[in-house]
C-alpha atoms as a PDB file:
ATOM      1  CA  MET A   1      56.216 119.332 -14.040  1.00  0.00           C
ATOM      2  CA  THR A   2      53.477 119.513 -11.448  1.00  0.00           C
ATOM      3  CA  THR A   3      53.177 122.076  -8.729  1.00  0.00           C
ATOM      4  CA  PRO A   4      53.135 120.849  -5.158  1.00  0.00           C
ATOM      5  CA  PRO A   5      49.796 120.946  -3.309  1.00  0.00           C
ATOM      6  CA  PRO A   6      49.158 124.010  -1.197  1.00  0.00           C
ATOM      7  CA  PRO A   7      50.124 123.751   2.452  1.00  0.00           C
ATOM      8  CA  PRO A   8      47.337 122.783   4.829  1.00  0.00           C
ATOM      9  CA  ALA A   9      45.196 125.689   5.995  1.00  0.00           C
ATOM     10  CA  ALA A  10      45.594 126.667   9.602  1.00  0.00           C
ATOM     11  CA  GLY A  11      42.812 126.116  12.184  1.00  0.00           C
ATOM     12  CA  ASP A  12      40.098 128.703  11.527  1.00  0.00           C
ATOM     13  CA  GLU A  13      40.898 128.921   7.829  1.00  0.00           C
ATOM     14  CA  LEU A  14      40.471 125.168   7.435  1.00  0.00           C
ATOM     15  CA  VAL A  15      37.143 125.243   9.281  1.00  0.00           C
ATOM     16  CA  ALA A  16      35.959 128.105   7.055  1.00  0.00           C
ATOM     17  CA  GLU A  17      37.001 126.241   3.888  1.00  0.00           C
ATOM     18  CA  TRP A  18      35.163 123.098   4.983  1.00  0.00           C
ATOM     19  CA  GLU A  19      32.077 125.076   6.018  1.00  0.00           C
ATOM     20  CA  GLU A  20      31.942 126.541   2.519  1.00  0.00           C
ATOM     21  CA  VAL A  21      32.240 123.073   0.956  1.00  0.00           C
ATOM     22  CA  LEU A  22      29.543 121.671   3.265  1.00  0.00           C
ATOM     23  CA  ASP A  23      27.233 124.619   2.515  1.00  0.00           C
ATOM     24  CA  VAL A  24      27.360 123.798  -1.201  1.00  0.00           C
ATOM     25  CA  LEU A  25      26.869 120.059  -0.690  1.00  0.00           C
ATOM     26  CA  GLU A  26      23.953 120.621   1.702  1.00  0.00           C
ATOM     27  CA  ARG A  27      22.296 123.075  -0.690  1.00  0.00           C
ATOM     28  CA  ASP A  28      22.586 120.601  -3.560  1.00  0.00           C
ATOM     29  CA  ALA A  29      21.239 117.717  -1.451  1.00  0.00           C
ATOM     30  CA  ARG A  30      18.235 119.804  -0.330  1.00  0.00           C
ATOM     31  CA  ALA A  31      17.526 120.850  -3.923  1.00  0.00           C
ATOM     32  CA  ALA A  32      17.618 117.197  -4.999  1.00  0.00           C
ATOM     33  CA  ALA A  33      15.291 116.264  -2.121  1.00  0.00           C
ATOM     34  CA  GLU A  34      12.806 118.971  -3.147  1.00  0.00           C
ATOM     35  CA  LEU A  35      12.894 117.864  -6.757  1.00  0.00           C
ATOM     36  CA  ALA A  36      12.466 114.201  -5.786  1.00  0.00           C
ATOM     37  CA  GLY A  37       9.490 115.141  -3.625  1.00  0.00           C
ATOM     38  CA  ASP A  38       7.777 117.082  -6.404  1.00  0.00           C
ATOM     39  CA  PRO A  39       9.339 116.502  -9.848  1.00  0.00           C
ATOM     40  CA  SER A  40       6.665 118.614 -11.536  1.00  0.00           C
ATOM     41  CA  ARG A  41       7.506 121.784  -9.652  1.00  0.00           C
ATOM     42  CA  ASP A  42       8.662 124.814 -11.553  1.00  0.00           C
ATOM     43  CA  GLY A  43      12.115 126.231 -11.175  1.00  0.00           C
ATOM     44  CA  ALA A  44      14.175 123.052 -11.231  1.00  0.00           C
ATOM     45  CA  PRO A  45      17.708 123.797 -10.056  1.00  0.00           C
ATOM     46  CA  SER A  46      20.291 124.368 -12.717  1.00  0.00           C
ATOM     47  CA  LEU A  47      22.794 121.555 -12.918  1.00  0.00           C
ATOM     48  CA  THR A  48      26.461 122.229 -13.298  1.00  0.00           C
ATOM     49  CA  ALA A  49      29.450 119.963 -13.499  1.00  0.00           C
ATOM     50  CA  TRP A  50      30.770 119.074 -10.065  1.00  0.00           C
ATOM     51  CA  THR A  51      34.399 119.509  -9.206  1.00  0.00           C
ATOM     52  CA  PRO A  52      35.531 117.838  -6.009  1.00  0.00           C
ATOM     53  CA  PRO A  53      36.535 120.445  -3.451  1.00  0.00           C
ATOM     54  CA  ALA A  54      40.124 120.640  -2.339  1.00  0.00           C
ATOM     55  CA  PRO A  55      40.218 122.167   1.147  1.00  0.00           C
ATOM     56  CA  GLY A  56      43.673 122.423   2.634  1.00  0.00           C
ATOM     57  CA  GLY A  57      43.310 119.478   4.990  1.00  0.00           C
ATOM     58  CA  PRO A  58      41.037 116.848   6.529  1.00  0.00           C
ATOM     59  CA  VAL A  59      37.607 117.630   7.967  1.00  0.00           C
ATOM     60  CA  PRO A  60      38.095 119.384  11.307  1.00  0.00           C
ATOM     61  CA  ASP A  61      36.731 117.580  14.355  1.00  0.00           C
ATOM     62  CA  ALA A  62      34.310 120.469  14.950  1.00  0.00           C
ATOM     63  CA  LEU A  63      32.511 119.630  11.673  1.00  0.00           C
ATOM     64  CA  VAL A  64      32.369 115.828  11.902  1.00  0.00           C
ATOM     65  CA  ASP A  65      28.753 115.798  13.159  1.00  0.00           C
ATOM     66  CA  ARG A  66      27.716 118.098  10.305  1.00  0.00           C
ATOM     67  CA  VAL A  67      29.381 115.754   7.808  1.00  0.00           C
ATOM     68  CA  ARG A  68      27.522 112.777   9.302  1.00  0.00           C
ATOM     69  CA  GLU A  69      24.203 114.638   8.976  1.00  0.00           C
ATOM     70  CA  LEU A  70      25.031 115.483   5.357  1.00  0.00           C
ATOM     71  CA  LEU A  71      25.788 111.829   4.624  1.00  0.00           C
ATOM     72  CA  GLN A  72      22.428 110.819   6.130  1.00  0.00           C
ATOM     73  CA  LEU A  73      20.641 113.458   4.027  1.00  0.00           C
ATOM     74  CA  GLN A  74      22.380 112.260   0.868  1.00  0.00           C
ATOM     75  CA  ALA A  75      21.510 108.619   1.630  1.00  0.00           C
ATOM     76  CA  SER A  76      17.874 109.586   2.194  1.00  0.00           C
ATOM     77  CA  VAL A  77      17.707 111.521  -1.077  1.00  0.00           C
ATOM     78  CA  ARG A  78      19.383 108.658  -2.939  1.00  0.00           C
ATOM     79  CA  ALA A  79      16.814 106.190  -1.569  1.00  0.00           C
ATOM     80  CA  GLU A  80      13.948 108.518  -2.501  1.00  0.00           C
ATOM     81  CA  LEU A  81      15.284 108.950  -6.038  1.00  0.00           C
ATOM     82  CA  GLU A  82      15.795 105.193  -6.447  1.00  0.00           C
ATOM     83  CA  GLY A  83      12.180 104.635  -5.351  1.00  0.00           C
ATOM     84  CA  ALA A  84      10.908 107.252  -7.783  1.00  0.00           C
ATOM     85  CA  MET A  85      12.901 105.703 -10.625  1.00  0.00           C
ATOM     86  CA  GLY A  86      11.441 102.290  -9.795  1.00  0.00           C
ATOM     87  CA  GLU A  87       7.918 103.726  -9.870  1.00  0.00           C
ATOM     88  CA  ASN A  88       8.637 105.362 -13.211  1.00  0.00           C
ATOM     89  CA  ARG A  89       9.950 102.100 -14.662  1.00  0.00           C
ATOM     90  CA  GLY A  90       6.798 100.346 -13.480  1.00  0.00           C
ATOM     91  CA  SER A  91       4.580 103.029 -15.000  1.00  0.00           C
ATOM     92  CA  LEU A  92       6.420 102.802 -18.305  1.00  0.00           C
ATOM     93  CA  ALA A  93       6.077  99.007 -18.306  1.00  0.00           C
ATOM     94  CA  ASP A  94       2.324  99.324 -17.613  1.00  0.00           C
ATOM     95  CA  LEU A  95       1.989 101.840 -20.414  1.00  0.00           C
ATOM     96  CA  ALA A  96       3.878  99.616 -22.832  1.00  0.00           C
ATOM     97  CA  ARG A  97       1.503  96.713 -22.069  1.00  0.00           C
ATOM     98  CA  THR A  98      -1.636  98.798 -22.672  1.00  0.00           C
ATOM     99  CA  ALA A  99      -0.503 100.906 -25.610  1.00  0.00           C
ATOM    100  CA  SER A 100      -1.895  99.895 -28.978  1.00  0.00           C
ATOM    101  CA  PRO A 101       0.634  98.475 -31.382  1.00  0.00           C
ATOM    102  CA  ALA A 102       1.920 100.814 -34.024  1.00  0.00           C
ATOM    103  CA  ARG A 103      -0.105 100.722 -37.203  1.00  0.00           C
ATOM    104  CA  SER A 104       1.492  99.067 -40.124  1.00  0.00           C
ATOM    105  CA  ARG A 105       2.419 101.464 -42.903  1.00  0.00           C
ATOM    106  CA  ALA A 106       1.520  98.823 -45.534  1.00  0.00           C
ATOM    107  CA  ALA A 107      -1.657  99.304 -47.527  1.00  0.00           C
ATOM    108  CA  ALA A 108      -4.638  97.200 -46.508  1.00  0.00           C
ATOM    109  CA  TYR A 109      -7.133  95.984 -49.111  1.00  0.00           C
ATOM    110  CA  VAL A 110     -10.558  94.528 -48.521  1.00  0.00           C
ATOM    111  CA  ASP A 111     -12.189  92.278 -51.128  1.00  0.00           C
ATOM    112  CA  VAL A 112     -15.744  93.612 -51.345  1.00  0.00           C
ATOM    113  CA  SER A 113     -16.661  91.522 -54.418  1.00  0.00           C
ATOM    114  CA  ALA A 114     -17.174  88.319 -52.492  1.00  0.00           C
END
């Protein structure tokens, strides 16, 4: 038996719930943008499993512009990460072409009597 979903939050409570959700998503997107910009930097953010938020209702009209900005930030970060992955693939392919082949483990003999 499942429990019914909680009733929708009222006005200010719903806005506060969504602001909390957006704060977390914005923080994570900024951390990803920083890491994409400088993958060698120290202090990489710790990654945790993501659980979709469950605010008590739809995004309030007052926060729609903030959601649009977040979507633009996420799209920008995604494009930056895709570009970085493409560069990495290219670098790995270049390295594979220039790397010396692995030495054979078989013994090699030279006939010095000839």
